C-alpha atoms as a PDB file:
ATOM      1  CA  MET A   1      -4.932  12.769  15.020  1.00  0.00           C
ATOM      2  CA  GLN A   2      -1.889  11.524  13.120  1.00  0.00           C
ATOM      3  CA  ARG A   3      -0.856  12.828   9.712  1.00  0.00           C
ATOM      4  CA  LEU A   4      -1.478  10.342   6.918  1.00  0.00           C
ATOM      5  CA  ALA A   5      -0.726  10.328   3.195  1.00  0.00           C
ATOM      6  CA  ILE A   6      -1.515   7.750   0.529  1.00  0.00           C
ATOM      7  CA  ALA A   7       1.177   6.797  -1.988  1.00  0.00           C
ATOM      8  CA  GLY A   8      -0.793   6.143  -5.161  1.00  0.00           C
ATOM      9  CA  ALA A   9      -3.798   7.720  -6.833  1.00  0.00           C
ATOM     10  CA  GLY A  10      -5.385   4.855  -8.751  1.00  0.00           C
ATOM     11  CA  GLY A  11      -8.322   2.521  -8.303  1.00  0.00           C
ATOM     12  CA  PHE A  12      -7.059   0.713  -5.219  1.00  0.00           C
ATOM     13  CA  SER A  13      -6.159   4.070  -3.671  1.00  0.00           C
ATOM     14  CA  LYS A  14      -9.864   4.945  -3.702  1.00  0.00           C
ATOM     15  CA  GLU A  15     -10.663   1.841  -1.664  1.00  0.00           C
ATOM     16  CA  VAL A  16      -7.839   2.475   0.776  1.00  0.00           C
ATOM     17  CA  PHE A  17      -8.929   6.090   1.209  1.00  0.00           C
ATOM     18  CA  LEU A  18     -12.478   4.942   2.002  1.00  0.00           C
ATOM     19  CA  THR A  19     -11.081   2.500   4.560  1.00  0.00           C
ATOM     20  CA  VAL A  20      -9.266   5.407   6.235  1.00  0.00           C
ATOM     21  CA  MET A  21     -12.528   7.365   6.322  1.00  0.00           C
ATOM     22  CA  ASP A  22     -14.337   4.383   7.862  1.00  0.00           C
ATOM     23  CA  ILE A  23     -11.627   4.106  10.518  1.00  0.00           C
ATOM     24  CA  ASN A  24     -12.113   7.774  11.364  1.00  0.00           C
ATOM     25  CA  LYS A  25     -15.868   7.310  11.626  1.00  0.00           C
ATOM     26  CA  ALA A  26     -15.335   4.548  14.185  1.00  0.00           C
ATOM     27  CA  ALA A  27     -12.577   6.388  16.072  1.00  0.00           C
ATOM     28  CA  PRO A  28     -10.942   9.612  14.812  1.00  0.00           C
ATOM     29  CA  THR A  29      -7.370   8.535  14.113  1.00  0.00           C
ATOM     30  CA  TRP A  30      -5.969   9.951  10.887  1.00  0.00           C
ATOM     31  CA  GLU A  31      -5.525  13.495   9.612  1.00  0.00           C
ATOM     32  CA  PHE A  32      -5.507  12.817   5.883  1.00  0.00           C
ATOM     33  CA  ILE A  33      -3.256  15.259   4.023  1.00  0.00           C
ATOM     34  CA  GLY A  34      -3.522  13.990   0.431  1.00  0.00           C
ATOM     35  CA  PHE A  35      -2.292  11.688  -2.319  1.00  0.00           C
ATOM     36  CA  PHE A  36       1.131  11.389  -3.973  1.00  0.00           C
ATOM     37  CA  ASP A  37       1.593   9.711  -7.345  1.00  0.00           C
ATOM     38  CA  ASP A  38       4.185   9.791 -10.139  1.00  0.00           C
ATOM     39  CA  ARG A  39       1.567   9.389 -12.869  1.00  0.00           C
ATOM     40  CA  VAL A  40      -1.085  11.890 -11.744  1.00  0.00           C
ATOM     41  CA  ALA A  41      -0.511  15.628 -12.115  1.00  0.00           C
ATOM     42  CA  LYS A  42       0.125  17.661  -8.998  1.00  0.00           C
ATOM     43  CA  GLY A  43      -2.913  19.737  -8.059  1.00  0.00           C
ATOM     44  CA  ARG A  44      -5.430  17.393  -9.619  1.00  0.00           C
ATOM     45  CA  PHE A  45      -8.343  16.515  -7.369  1.00  0.00           C
ATOM     46  CA  PHE A  46      -8.795  12.837  -6.559  1.00  0.00           C
ATOM     47  CA  MET A  47     -11.534  11.665  -4.190  1.00  0.00           C
ATOM     48  CA  ASP A  48     -12.118  15.353  -3.352  1.00  0.00           C
ATOM     49  CA  HIS A  49      -8.517  15.752  -2.205  1.00  0.00           C
ATOM     50  CA  LYS A  50      -5.559  17.225  -4.045  1.00  0.00           C
ATOM     51  CA  VAL A  51      -2.702  15.184  -5.401  1.00  0.00           C
ATOM     52  CA  LEU A  52       0.099  16.943  -3.551  1.00  0.00           C
ATOM     53  CA  GLY A  53       2.974  15.785  -5.719  1.00  0.00           C
ATOM     54  CA  ASN A  54       4.979  12.784  -6.816  1.00  0.00           C
ATOM     55  CA  LEU A  55       6.753  10.191  -4.692  1.00  0.00           C
ATOM     56  CA  SER A  56       9.905  12.298  -4.590  1.00  0.00           C
ATOM     57  CA  ASP A  57       7.867  15.120  -3.043  1.00  0.00           C
ATOM     58  CA  LEU A  58       6.513  12.702  -0.456  1.00  0.00           C
ATOM     59  CA  ASP A  59      10.019  11.568   0.427  1.00  0.00           C
ATOM     60  CA  LYS A  60      11.031  15.193   1.060  1.00  0.00           C
ATOM     61  CA  ILE A  61       8.344  15.895   3.669  1.00  0.00           C
ATOM     62  CA  ASP A  62      10.037  17.351   6.755  1.00  0.00           C
ATOM     63  CA  GLU A  63       7.309  16.449   9.251  1.00  0.00           C
ATOM     64  CA  GLU A  64       6.648  12.954  10.549  1.00  0.00           C
ATOM     65  CA  THR A  65       3.956  11.462   8.332  1.00  0.00           C
ATOM     66  CA  ASN A  66       2.310   8.074   8.129  1.00  0.00           C
ATOM     67  CA  VAL A  67       2.116   6.586   4.640  1.00  0.00           C
ATOM     68  CA  ILE A  68      -0.067   3.871   3.138  1.00  0.00           C
ATOM     69  CA  ILE A  69       1.287   2.306  -0.045  1.00  0.00           C
ATOM     70  CA  ALA A  70      -1.907   1.737  -2.021  1.00  0.00           C
ATOM     71  CA  ALA A  71      -0.786  -0.752  -4.662  1.00  0.00           C
ATOM     72  CA  GLY A  72      -2.502  -4.018  -5.491  1.00  0.00           C
ATOM     73  CA  LYS A  73       0.487  -5.780  -7.042  1.00  0.00           C
ATOM     74  CA  SER A  74       3.664  -6.869  -5.275  1.00  0.00           C
ATOM     75  CA  SER A  75       6.038  -5.358  -7.833  1.00  0.00           C
ATOM     76  CA  ASN A  76       4.296  -1.987  -7.529  1.00  0.00           C
ATOM     77  CA  ILE A  77       4.522  -2.059  -3.732  1.00  0.00           C
ATOM     78  CA  LEU A  78       8.268  -2.597  -3.961  1.00  0.00           C
ATOM     79  CA  SER A  79       8.693   0.038  -6.661  1.00  0.00           C
ATOM     80  CA  ILE A  80       7.011   2.664  -4.485  1.00  0.00           C
ATOM     81  CA  LEU A  81       8.748   1.621  -1.286  1.00  0.00           C
ATOM     82  CA  ARG A  82      12.211   1.918  -2.864  1.00  0.00           C
ATOM     83  CA  GLN A  83      11.521   5.604  -3.490  1.00  0.00           C
ATOM     84  CA  LEU A  84      10.476   6.362   0.104  1.00  0.00           C
ATOM     85  CA  ARG A  85      13.595   6.407   2.256  1.00  0.00           C
ATOM     86  CA  SER A  86      13.051   9.361   4.580  1.00  0.00           C
ATOM     87  CA  ASP A  87      13.103   8.574   8.294  1.00  0.00           C
ATOM     88  CA  LYS A  88      10.188  11.019   8.614  1.00  0.00           C
ATOM     89  CA  LEU A  89       7.897   8.480   6.928  1.00  0.00           C
ATOM     90  CA  LYS A  90       6.210   5.761   8.959  1.00  0.00           C
ATOM     91  CA  PHE A  91       4.200   2.832   7.635  1.00  0.00           C
ATOM     92  CA  PRO A  92       1.300   1.825   9.897  1.00  0.00           C
ATOM     93  CA  ASN A  93      -0.875  -1.228   9.560  1.00  0.00           C
ATOM     94  CA  ILE A  94      -4.373  -0.325   8.391  1.00  0.00           C
ATOM     95  CA  PHE A  95      -7.316  -2.474   9.497  1.00  0.00           C
ATOM     96  CA  HIS A  96     -10.828  -1.804   8.240  1.00  0.00           C
ATOM     97  CA  PRO A  97     -13.243  -1.679  11.201  1.00  0.00           C
ATOM     98  CA  SER A  98     -15.227  -4.605   9.768  1.00  0.00           C
ATOM     99  CA  CYS A  99     -12.295  -7.026   9.578  1.00  0.00           C
ATOM    100  CA  GLN A 100     -12.217  -9.833  12.141  1.00  0.00           C
ATOM    101  CA  PHE A 101      -9.412 -11.128  14.332  1.00  0.00           C
ATOM    102  CA  ILE A 102     -10.168 -14.538  15.797  1.00  0.00           C
ATOM    103  CA  HIS A 103      -7.447 -14.046  18.417  1.00  0.00           C
ATOM    104  CA  PHE A 104      -5.709 -10.682  18.070  1.00  0.00           C
ATOM    105  CA  GLU A 105      -3.445 -11.414  21.033  1.00  0.00           C
ATOM    106  CA  SER A 106      -1.676 -14.162  19.069  1.00  0.00           C
ATOM    107  CA  LEU A 107      -1.231 -12.109  15.889  1.00  0.00           C
ATOM    108  CA  ASN A 108       2.390 -11.258  15.087  1.00  0.00           C
ATOM    109  CA  ILE A 109       2.402  -8.610  12.352  1.00  0.00           C
ATOM    110  CA  GLY A 110       4.986  -6.230  10.907  1.00  0.00           C
ATOM    111  CA  GLU A 111       4.385  -2.831   9.298  1.00  0.00           C
ATOM    112  CA  GLY A 112       2.650  -1.405   6.261  1.00  0.00           C
ATOM    113  CA  ASN A 113      -0.014  -4.095   5.933  1.00  0.00           C
ATOM    114  CA  ILE A 114      -3.523  -3.327   4.652  1.00  0.00           C
ATOM    115  CA  VAL A 115      -6.480  -5.467   5.752  1.00  0.00           C
ATOM    116  CA  GLN A 116      -9.631  -4.477   3.928  1.00  0.00           C
ATOM    117  CA  LEU A 117     -13.296  -4.817   4.807  1.00  0.00           C
ATOM    118  CA  PHE A 118     -14.788  -8.153   5.857  1.00  0.00           C
ATOM    119  CA  SER A 119     -11.425  -9.931   5.889  1.00  0.00           C
ATOM    120  CA  SER A 120     -10.489 -12.219   8.765  1.00  0.00           C
ATOM    121  CA  LEU A 121      -7.250 -13.367  10.370  1.00  0.00           C
ATOM    122  CA  SER A 122      -7.284 -16.435  12.578  1.00  0.00           C
ATOM    123  CA  ALA A 123      -5.256 -17.468  15.637  1.00  0.00           C
ATOM    124  CA  GLY A 124      -1.483 -17.729  15.585  1.00  0.00           C
ATOM    125  CA  ASN A 125      -0.867 -15.879  12.326  1.00  0.00           C
ATOM    126  CA  ILE A 126       2.609 -14.493  11.623  1.00  0.00           C
ATOM    127  CA  ILE A 127       2.569 -11.759   8.975  1.00  0.00           C
ATOM    128  CA  GLY A 128       5.507  -9.731   7.697  1.00  0.00           C
ATOM    129  CA  ASN A 129       5.495  -6.314   6.053  1.00  0.00           C
ATOM    130  CA  PHE A 130       3.574  -4.552   3.273  1.00  0.00           C
ATOM    131  CA  ASN A 131       1.033  -7.244   2.487  1.00  0.00           C
ATOM    132  CA  VAL A 132      -2.362  -6.404   1.008  1.00  0.00           C
ATOM    133  CA  PHE A 133      -5.448  -8.343   2.077  1.00  0.00           C
ATOM    134  CA  ASN A 134      -8.294  -7.140  -0.089  1.00  0.00           C
ATOM    135  CA  ALA A 135     -12.005  -7.416   0.740  1.00  0.00           C
ATOM    136  CA  GLY A 136     -13.213 -10.737   2.085  1.00  0.00           C
ATOM    137  CA  VAL A 137      -9.840 -12.498   2.371  1.00  0.00           C
ATOM    138  CA  ARG A 138      -9.758 -15.361   4.886  1.00  0.00           C
ATOM    139  CA  VAL A 139      -6.524 -16.478   6.547  1.00  0.00           C
ATOM    140  CA  GLY A 140      -6.626 -19.684   8.577  1.00  0.00           C
ATOM    141  CA  HIS A 141      -4.888 -20.517  11.855  1.00  0.00           C
ATOM    142  CA  ASP A 142      -1.103 -20.675  12.261  1.00  0.00           C
ATOM    143  CA  THR A 143      -0.403 -19.328   8.791  1.00  0.00           C
ATOM    144  CA  VAL A 144       2.953 -17.651   8.119  1.00  0.00           C
ATOM    145  CA  ILE A 145       3.066 -14.928   5.462  1.00  0.00           C
ATOM    146  CA  GLY A 146       6.214 -13.078   4.412  1.00  0.00           C
ATOM    147  CA  ASN A 147       6.483  -9.649   2.771  1.00  0.00           C
ATOM    148  CA  TYR A 148       4.992  -7.777  -0.214  1.00  0.00           C
ATOM    149  CA  ASN A 149       2.265 -10.302  -1.002  1.00  0.00           C
ATOM    150  CA  THR A 150      -1.123  -9.341  -2.411  1.00  0.00           C
ATOM    151  CA  PHE A 151      -4.352 -11.245  -1.868  1.00  0.00           C
ATOM    152  CA  ALA A 152      -7.187 -10.161  -4.137  1.00  0.00           C
ATOM    153  CA  THR A 153     -10.839 -10.162  -3.138  1.00  0.00           C
ATOM    154  CA  SER A 154     -12.092 -13.377  -1.464  1.00  0.00           C
ATOM    155  CA  THR A 155      -8.784 -15.250  -1.449  1.00  0.00           C
ATOM    156  CA  LEU A 156      -8.953 -18.226   0.945  1.00  0.00           C
ATOM    157  CA  ILE A 157      -5.801 -19.319   2.785  1.00  0.00           C
ATOM    158  CA  SER A 158      -6.268 -22.471   4.864  1.00  0.00           C
ATOM    159  CA  GLY A 159      -4.639 -23.163   8.224  1.00  0.00           C
ATOM    160  CA  GLY A 160      -0.962 -23.939   8.632  1.00  0.00           C
ATOM    161  CA  VAL A 161       0.041 -22.524   5.238  1.00  0.00           C
ATOM    162  CA  THR A 162       3.433 -20.863   4.705  1.00  0.00           C
ATOM    163  CA  ILE A 163       3.762 -18.148   2.049  1.00  0.00           C
ATOM    164  CA  GLY A 164       7.027 -16.449   1.121  1.00  0.00           C
ATOM    165  CA  ASP A 165       7.511 -13.035  -0.483  1.00  0.00           C
ATOM    166  CA  ARG A 166       6.162 -11.143  -3.510  1.00  0.00           C
ATOM    167  CA  ASN A 167       3.334 -13.498  -4.419  1.00  0.00           C
ATOM    168  CA  ASP A 168       0.131 -12.272  -6.078  1.00  0.00           C
ATOM    169  CA  PHE A 169      -3.076 -14.214  -5.472  1.00  0.00           C
ATOM    170  CA  GLY A 170      -5.993 -13.516  -7.825  1.00  0.00           C
ATOM    171  CA  MET A 171      -9.593 -13.066  -6.721  1.00  0.00           C
ATOM    172  CA  ASN A 172     -11.324 -16.165  -5.344  1.00  0.00           C
ATOM    173  CA  SER A 173      -8.077 -18.130  -5.392  1.00  0.00           C
ATOM    174  CA  GLY A 174      -7.042 -20.399  -2.542  1.00  0.00           C
ATOM    175  CA  ILE A 175      -4.666 -22.918  -1.033  1.00  0.00           C
ATOM    176  CA  ILE A 176      -5.448 -25.958   1.084  1.00  0.00           C
ATOM    177  CA  GLN A 177      -4.058 -26.526   4.559  1.00  0.00           C
ATOM    178  CA  TYR A 178      -0.380 -26.985   5.443  1.00  0.00           C
ATOM    179  CA  LYS A 179       0.982 -26.300   1.960  1.00  0.00           C
ATOM    180  CA  LYS A 180       3.839 -23.924   1.129  1.00  0.00           C
ATOM    181  CA  VAL A 181       4.223 -21.208  -1.472  1.00  0.00           C
ATOM    182  CA  GLY A 182       7.693 -19.890  -2.268  1.00  0.00           C
ATOM    183  CA  ASN A 183       8.488 -16.477  -3.713  1.00  0.00           C
ATOM    184  CA  ASP A 184       7.432 -14.493  -6.800  1.00  0.00           C
ATOM    185  CA  ASN A 185       4.452 -16.591  -7.855  1.00  0.00           C
ATOM    186  CA  VAL A 186       1.175 -15.629  -9.479  1.00  0.00           C
ATOM    187  CA  ILE A 187      -1.911 -17.629  -8.525  1.00  0.00           C
ATOM    188  CA  ALA A 188      -4.578 -16.889 -11.120  1.00  0.00           C
ATOM    189  CA  PRO A 189      -8.165 -15.928 -10.247  1.00  0.00           C
ATOM    190  CA  MET A 190     -10.257 -18.940  -9.161  1.00  0.00           C
ATOM    191  CA  ALA A 191      -7.169 -21.192  -8.965  1.00  0.00           C
ATOM    192  CA  VAL A 192      -6.748 -23.470  -5.922  1.00  0.00           C
ATOM    193  CA  LEU A 193      -3.388 -24.883  -4.900  1.00  0.00           C
ATOM    194  CA  PHE A 194      -3.577 -28.490  -3.702  1.00  0.00           C
ATOM    195  CA  LYS A 195       0.194 -28.881  -3.412  1.00  0.00           C
ATOM    196  CA  SER A 196       3.179 -26.806  -2.371  1.00  0.00           C
ATOM    197  CA  VAL A 197       4.917 -24.706  -5.021  1.00  0.00           C
ATOM    198  CA  LYS A 198       8.394 -23.185  -5.180  1.00  0.00           C
ATOM    199  CA  ASP A 199       9.448 -19.917  -6.875  1.00  0.00           C
ATOM    200  CA  ASN A 200       8.678 -17.891 -10.007  1.00  0.00           C
ATOM    201  CA  GLY A 201       5.618 -19.822 -11.131  1.00  0.00           C
ATOM    202  CA  HIS A 202       2.266 -19.026 -12.670  1.00  0.00           C
ATOM    203  CA  TYR A 203      -0.621 -21.305 -11.682  1.00  0.00           C
ATOM    204  CA  MET A 204      -4.151 -21.707 -13.015  1.00  0.00           C
ATOM    205  CA  GLY A 205      -7.112 -24.048 -12.548  1.00  0.00           C
ATOM    206  CA  VAL A 206      -8.568 -26.392  -9.938  1.00  0.00           C
ATOM    207  CA  PRO A 207      -6.423 -28.061  -8.862  1.00  0.00           C
ATOM    208  CA  ALA A 208      -3.955 -25.325  -9.815  1.00  0.00           C
ATOM    209  CA  MET A 209      -1.330 -26.418 -12.311  1.00  0.00           C
ATOM    210  CA  SER A 210       1.731 -24.621 -13.617  1.00  0.00           C
ATOM    211  CA  THR A 211       1.253 -22.902 -16.958  1.00  0.00           C
ATOM    212  CA  GLY A 212       4.898 -23.646 -17.721  1.00  0.00           C
ATOM    213  CA  VAL A 213       5.636 -19.960 -17.879  1.00  0.00           C
ATOM    214  CA  GLU A 214       7.622 -18.074 -15.299  1.00  0.00           C
ATOM    215  CA  ARG A 215       5.861 -15.343 -13.385  1.00  0.00           C
ATOM    216  CA  LEU A 216       3.863 -13.017 -15.635  1.00  0.00           C
ATOM    217  CA  THR A 217       4.392  -9.310 -14.897  1.00  0.00           C
END
């Protein structure tokens, strides 16, 4: 069993913790040690486990420990990651046992990614680091995804799509095949991109159109 901590003690952390428990039910893998969060008091119980400290405490751990960054927004992922610099901390990929890989052998994936229950990744996907695929996300064939992106529940990404870094896709949003998304965009819930978009945009509707406002934080 490998030591594992969760950075974050909010709503999404609950879901990630339950994914870890489901992984252990299928095949004992993780020795869960607790949560770390800057906004929750040390010693408080969360999901029947103690909050062991803040992110600075986590960064001071002197024993090799795996860490999941449980944040559902790209800016929060980056904010947490910047505080975790110890070479004792490792960032595994976490796959819920129910997620599907159409052709795992052709998957090229980095570190720190979370793939939640009932999501699926198709053949030939290239995925970077610290992306969050929430429940029921579908990623089509030959899609390239960068770093620090979040895909809310039931996002649909068609085949051949290219997505950059730090994009946040709302629930039930989507993009049609062979389009490109740049960096730092927000795709609103239920919005569907029918064309490629560049950087720092906010898109709503079907077909998704720019709101004329730069990325909303």
